[in-house]
Structure formats: C-alpha cells, structure tokens
C-alpha cells in the first residue's frame, strides 16, 4: 500500500515538473518570437524620436533628469544669456522655459 502511494506521488510530481518546464520553454519561445511587451524592463514600451527646437545658434550646456519623465536642459543663447528648458522626455514637448537673469542690486 505504501509503495503504491509513494509511486503515485513520484509520478504526480514528475508530471508537475514536466508541465512547469513546458510552460517555461513556451514562454521563452513566445518572447523570442514576439518580443517582451510586458513593460517590466528598463526600456519604455513606446520608443521613438522626438524633436525639440532650440533657439537659433544656442548651445546645450547641461542636461539632467528632473524626476519622472522630465529633463532639464541648460542652454546658452548667442548673446550669452542662459535659459533652462523643462522638457517632457517621452514626447519632447517643452513644458517651461526659464531665463536666467542677473539679480539687480541696490535701490
């Protein structure tokens, strides 16, 4: 009696292992064929090219992430004045432009 129960358990566990292995192989094959579209990786599900128009003859001085999908770009115009552009990194749309001006001292 005990050998029959033990034999049943061994066969049942072998079937579970084969089923699990089959699921893993099929998942890998599906992802290789169709790509991993789960969005769990570091890459965005939507990728592409976005253009950001800068003022004529301006230079990019710095660029840093500003939290979330935003980035801050510091530029210098042809007149030497600097500005900070806050940009949506996913779409390339300008959110805000801040001009850096010297502080006025005195009355």
Protein backbone atom coordinates (compact mmCIF):
# COMPACT_ATOMS: atom_id res chain seq x y z
CA UNK A 1 0.00 0.00 0.00
CA UNK A 2 2.74 2.48 0.91
CA UNK A 3 4.66 1.73 -2.28
CA UNK A 4 1.58 2.47 -4.40
CA UNK A 5 1.06 5.82 -2.66
CA UNK A 6 4.75 6.66 -2.97
CA UNK A 7 4.72 5.64 -6.65
CA UNK A 8 1.65 7.86 -7.25
CA UNK A 9 3.33 10.85 -5.57
CA UNK A 10 6.53 10.40 -7.60
CA UNK A 11 4.61 10.16 -10.89
CA UNK A 12 2.43 13.15 -9.95
CA UNK A 13 5.47 15.30 -9.10
CA UNK A 14 7.21 14.23 -12.32
CA UNK A 15 4.18 15.36 -14.32
CA UNK A 16 4.17 18.71 -12.47
CA UNK A 17 7.89 19.21 -13.23
CA UNK A 18 7.35 18.42 -16.93
CA UNK A 19 4.36 20.77 -17.09
CA UNK A 20 6.35 23.57 -15.45
CA UNK A 21 9.30 23.02 -17.77
CA UNK A 22 6.95 23.10 -20.77
CA UNK A 23 5.45 26.41 -19.64
CA UNK A 24 8.94 27.92 -19.24
CA UNK A 25 10.06 26.75 -22.69
CA UNK A 26 6.87 28.03 -24.35
CA UNK A 27 7.17 31.40 -22.58
CA UNK A 28 10.77 31.82 -23.74
CA UNK A 29 9.85 30.83 -27.31
CA UNK A 30 6.91 33.29 -27.33
CA UNK A 31 9.05 36.16 -26.05
CA UNK A 32 11.77 35.45 -28.59
CA UNK A 33 9.22 35.45 -31.41
CA UNK A 34 7.06 38.41 -30.32
CA UNK A 35 9.36 40.38 -28.04
CA UNK A 36 8.88 41.06 -24.36
CA UNK A 37 5.95 43.52 -24.39
CA UNK A 38 5.24 43.27 -20.68
CA UNK A 39 6.90 46.62 -19.96
CA UNK A 40 8.78 45.20 -16.99
CA UNK A 41 12.23 46.07 -18.27
CA UNK A 42 14.17 49.30 -18.31
CA UNK A 43 13.10 50.20 -21.81
CA UNK A 44 9.91 52.09 -22.48
CA UNK A 45 7.14 50.29 -24.31
CA UNK A 46 6.85 53.35 -26.59
CA UNK A 47 10.12 54.39 -28.13
CA UNK A 48 10.83 56.78 -30.92
CA UNK A 49 12.36 60.08 -31.86
CA UNK A 50 11.22 63.44 -30.54
CA UNK A 51 12.48 66.79 -31.81
CA UNK A 52 12.98 69.78 -29.54
CA UNK A 53 13.52 73.10 -31.28
CA UNK A 54 16.14 75.25 -29.58
CA UNK A 55 16.60 78.96 -30.16
CA UNK A 56 18.86 79.68 -33.15
CA UNK A 57 22.62 79.38 -32.50
CA UNK A 58 22.15 78.25 -28.90
CA UNK A 59 24.42 75.70 -27.18
CA UNK A 60 23.41 72.97 -24.74
CA UNK A 61 25.48 73.37 -21.56
CA UNK A 62 23.94 70.78 -19.23
CA UNK A 63 21.19 68.19 -19.25
CA UNK A 64 19.85 66.35 -16.19
CA UNK A 65 16.83 64.24 -15.26
CA UNK A 66 14.24 66.26 -13.37
CA UNK A 67 12.12 63.44 -11.95
CA UNK A 68 9.56 61.30 -13.67
CA UNK A 69 9.57 61.74 -17.42
CA UNK A 70 11.09 65.21 -17.31
CA UNK A 71 14.53 66.54 -18.03
CA UNK A 72 16.09 69.95 -17.55
CA UNK A 73 18.34 71.36 -20.25
CA UNK A 74 20.51 74.45 -19.65
CA UNK A 75 21.29 76.34 -22.83
CA UNK A 76 23.26 79.44 -23.73
CA UNK A 77 22.00 81.72 -26.47
CA UNK A 78 24.18 83.59 -28.99
CA UNK A 79 24.00 86.70 -26.75
CA UNK A 80 25.48 84.76 -23.79
CA UNK A 81 22.25 84.66 -21.80
CA UNK A 82 21.36 81.30 -20.28
CA UNK A 83 18.00 79.57 -20.01
CA UNK A 84 16.69 76.35 -18.50
CA UNK A 85 14.24 74.29 -20.53
CA UNK A 86 11.99 71.79 -18.74
CA UNK A 87 11.07 69.11 -21.27
CA UNK A 88 8.82 66.04 -21.26
CA UNK A 89 11.35 63.32 -22.15
CA UNK A 90 8.77 60.97 -23.66
CA UNK A 91 7.21 63.42 -26.13
CA UNK A 92 9.94 66.04 -26.46
CA UNK A 93 7.45 68.81 -25.70
CA UNK A 94 8.65 71.93 -23.94
CA UNK A 95 6.94 72.31 -20.57
CA UNK A 96 8.58 75.52 -19.38
CA UNK A 97 11.45 77.87 -20.29
CA UNK A 98 13.13 79.89 -17.54
CA UNK A 99 15.54 82.70 -18.45
CA UNK A 100 18.44 83.18 -16.03
CA UNK A 101 19.00 86.89 -15.44
CA UNK A 102 21.44 88.63 -13.09
CA UNK A 103 19.95 89.94 -9.86
CA UNK A 104 19.58 93.69 -9.53
CA UNK A 105 21.47 95.03 -6.52
CA UNK A 106 20.55 98.24 -4.81
CA UNK A 107 17.55 100.59 -4.95
